[in-house]
Amino acid sequence: MKVNKQKLQEMYTEYQMLMQQMQQLQQNLQELQRHVSDLNNLKKNLDEISFVELNTETLVPLGNGIFLHAELKDNKNIVMNVGSDVFVDKTFSEAKETVDKQMNEVTNVVLQMEQEIEKTTYRIEEIQEEFQKISPEDTE
């Protein structure tokens, strides 16, 4: 199988580009999977908090393992960030619907990304097979 050096260089460049793309896709997929996990935890917390009695002392997370002691004054409504630092009151039911919608959207993106990873993997394997067929005496 005769291959000129320019064709070989083009194949190698495509291979490198695909490997970088694959790495980025995998990182993005991991981030999205963490986001799905966070949404699942949020939904579970919404389910649980609605059953907590009023005036029950609880810990409120402030971030990175730091908590504040607080008393639950309302177990029917929450304040939710709807984007652009706009906050609205919502019922737990409305909040769960919003979380479910977000989870569906993120899950669809995850599926699309997995398909893209599959296509990229297939092309990488094709190029690897082409490289394996080329011996040093086949280059022009």
Protein backbone atom coordinates (compact mmCIF):
# COMPACT_ATOMS: atom_id res chain seq x y z
CA MET A 1 0.00 0.00 0.00
CA LYS A 2 1.86 3.05 -1.29
CA VAL A 3 1.27 6.26 0.67
CA ASN A 4 2.94 9.60 0.02
CA LYS A 5 4.39 11.52 2.94
CA GLN A 6 1.83 14.30 2.63
CA LYS A 7 -1.06 11.80 2.95
CA LEU A 8 0.69 10.22 5.94
CA GLN A 9 1.10 13.64 7.55
CA GLU A 10 -2.58 14.45 6.96
CA MET A 11 -3.61 11.16 8.57
CA TYR A 12 -1.36 11.82 11.55
CA THR A 13 -2.71 15.38 11.94
CA GLU A 14 -6.30 14.10 11.82
CA TYR A 15 -5.41 11.42 14.36
CA GLN A 16 -3.94 13.98 16.77
CA MET A 17 -6.93 16.27 16.34
CA LEU A 18 -9.35 13.40 17.00
CA MET A 19 -7.43 12.34 20.11
CA GLN A 20 -7.63 15.89 21.50
CA GLN A 21 -11.32 16.05 20.62
CA MET A 22 -11.87 12.70 22.36
CA GLN A 23 -10.13 13.92 25.51
CA GLN A 24 -12.30 17.07 25.57
CA LEU A 25 -15.48 15.07 24.95
CA GLN A 26 -14.64 12.71 27.81
CA GLN A 27 -13.98 15.62 30.18
CA ASN A 28 -17.26 17.26 29.19
CA LEU A 29 -19.08 13.96 29.64
CA GLN A 30 -17.66 13.56 33.16
CA GLU A 31 -18.81 17.08 34.05
CA LEU A 32 -22.29 16.38 32.72
CA GLN A 33 -22.45 13.11 34.65
CA ARG A 34 -21.50 15.00 37.83
CA HIS A 35 -24.25 17.50 37.04
CA VAL A 36 -26.80 14.67 36.67
CA SER A 37 -25.63 13.29 40.01
CA ASP A 38 -26.02 16.73 41.61
CA LEU A 39 -29.54 17.02 40.17
CA ASN A 40 -30.42 13.58 41.54
CA ASN A 41 -29.17 14.63 44.98
CA LEU A 42 -31.13 17.87 44.74
CA LYS A 43 -34.31 16.00 43.86
CA LYS A 44 -33.77 13.60 46.77
CA ASN A 45 -33.21 16.54 49.13
CA LEU A 46 -36.38 18.23 47.88
CA ASP A 47 -38.32 15.04 48.58
CA GLU A 48 -36.87 14.70 52.07
CA ILE A 49 -37.12 18.32 53.24
CA SER A 50 -40.82 18.55 52.49
CA PHE A 51 -41.43 15.99 55.26
CA VAL A 52 -39.32 17.75 57.91
CA GLU A 53 -41.39 19.36 60.66
CA LEU A 54 -41.43 23.13 61.00
CA ASN A 55 -38.96 24.68 63.48
CA THR A 56 -36.68 21.65 63.24
CA GLU A 57 -33.02 22.56 63.58
CA THR A 58 -30.94 21.60 60.58
CA LEU A 59 -27.61 22.30 58.96
CA VAL A 60 -27.60 24.47 55.85
CA PRO A 61 -24.61 23.99 53.55
CA LEU A 62 -22.74 27.17 52.69
CA GLY A 63 -20.23 25.38 50.48
CA ASN A 64 -17.20 23.09 50.59
CA GLY A 65 -18.03 21.35 53.87
CA ILE A 66 -19.12 24.48 55.75
CA PHE A 67 -22.56 24.47 57.37
CA LEU A 68 -24.77 26.91 59.25
CA HIS A 69 -27.23 25.96 62.01
CA ALA A 70 -30.76 26.99 61.06
CA GLU A 71 -34.40 26.28 61.86
CA LEU A 72 -36.85 25.26 59.15
CA LYS A 73 -39.56 27.93 58.99
CA ASP A 74 -41.28 26.84 55.75
CA ASN A 75 -41.42 23.32 54.34
CA LYS A 76 -43.84 24.11 51.51
CA ASN A 77 -41.91 26.67 49.47
CA ILE A 78 -38.34 27.31 48.43
CA VAL A 79 -36.45 30.14 46.76
CA MET A 80 -34.95 29.09 43.45
CA ASN A 81 -32.43 30.80 41.18
CA VAL A 82 -33.96 30.84 37.71
CA GLY A 83 -30.92 32.42 36.04
CA SER A 84 -29.21 35.79 35.81
CA ASP A 85 -29.34 36.04 39.61
CA VAL A 86 -33.14 36.15 39.54
CA PHE A 87 -34.74 34.29 42.45
CA VAL A 88 -38.38 33.21 42.70
CA ASP A 89 -40.49 31.40 45.27
CA LYS A 90 -41.57 27.95 44.17
CA THR A 91 -43.37 25.06 45.76
CA PHE A 92 -41.48 21.81 46.19
CA SER A 93 -43.58 20.33 43.41
CA GLU A 94 -42.66 23.15 41.03
CA ALA A 95 -39.01 22.86 42.01
CA LYS A 96 -39.02 19.10 41.36
CA GLU A 97 -40.60 19.71 37.95
CA THR A 98 -37.84 22.20 37.14
CA VAL A 99 -35.17 19.72 38.29
CA ASP A 100 -36.79 16.93 36.22
CA LYS A 101 -36.79 19.19 33.15
CA GLN A 102 -33.12 20.05 33.69
CA MET A 103 -32.29 16.38 34.20
CA ASN A 104 -34.01 15.45 30.92
CA GLU A 105 -32.13 18.19 29.06
CA VAL A 106 -28.76 17.18 30.52
CA THR A 107 -29.46 13.49 29.90
CA ASN A 108 -30.19 14.26 26.23
CA VAL A 109 -26.89 16.14 25.95
CA VAL A 110 -25.12 13.17 27.61
CA LEU A 111 -26.62 10.82 25.03
CA GLN A 112 -25.55 13.09 22.16
CA MET A 113 -22.06 13.33 23.61
CA GLU A 114 -21.83 9.55 23.98
CA GLN A 115 -22.79 9.20 20.31
CA GLU A 116 -20.12 11.72 19.34
CA ILE A 117 -17.55 9.80 21.41
CA GLU A 118 -18.60 6.59 19.66
CA LYS A 119 -18.18 8.19 16.21
CA THR A 120 -14.83 9.70 17.15
CA THR A 121 -13.62 6.38 18.57
CA TYR A 122 -14.63 4.61 15.38
CA ARG A 123 -12.69 7.11 13.22
CA ILE A 124 -9.64 6.87 15.49
CA GLU A 125 -9.71 3.07 15.14
CA GLU A 126 -9.98 3.41 11.35
CA ILE A 127 -6.89 5.61 11.23
CA GLN A 128 -4.99 3.25 13.54
CA GLU A 129 -5.82 0.35 11.22
CA GLU A 130 -4.60 2.36 8.23
CA PHE A 131 -1.33 3.11 10.06
CA GLN A 132 -0.85 -0.55 10.87
CA LYS A 133 -1.18 -1.48 7.20
CA ILE A 134 1.62 0.90 6.20
CA SER A 135 5.15 -0.38 6.33
CA PRO A 136 8.21 1.93 6.06
CA GLU A 137 8.90 0.82 2.47
CA ASP A 138 5.33 1.83 1.49
CA THR A 139 6.02 5.54 1.98
CA GLU A 140 6.98 7.62 -1.04
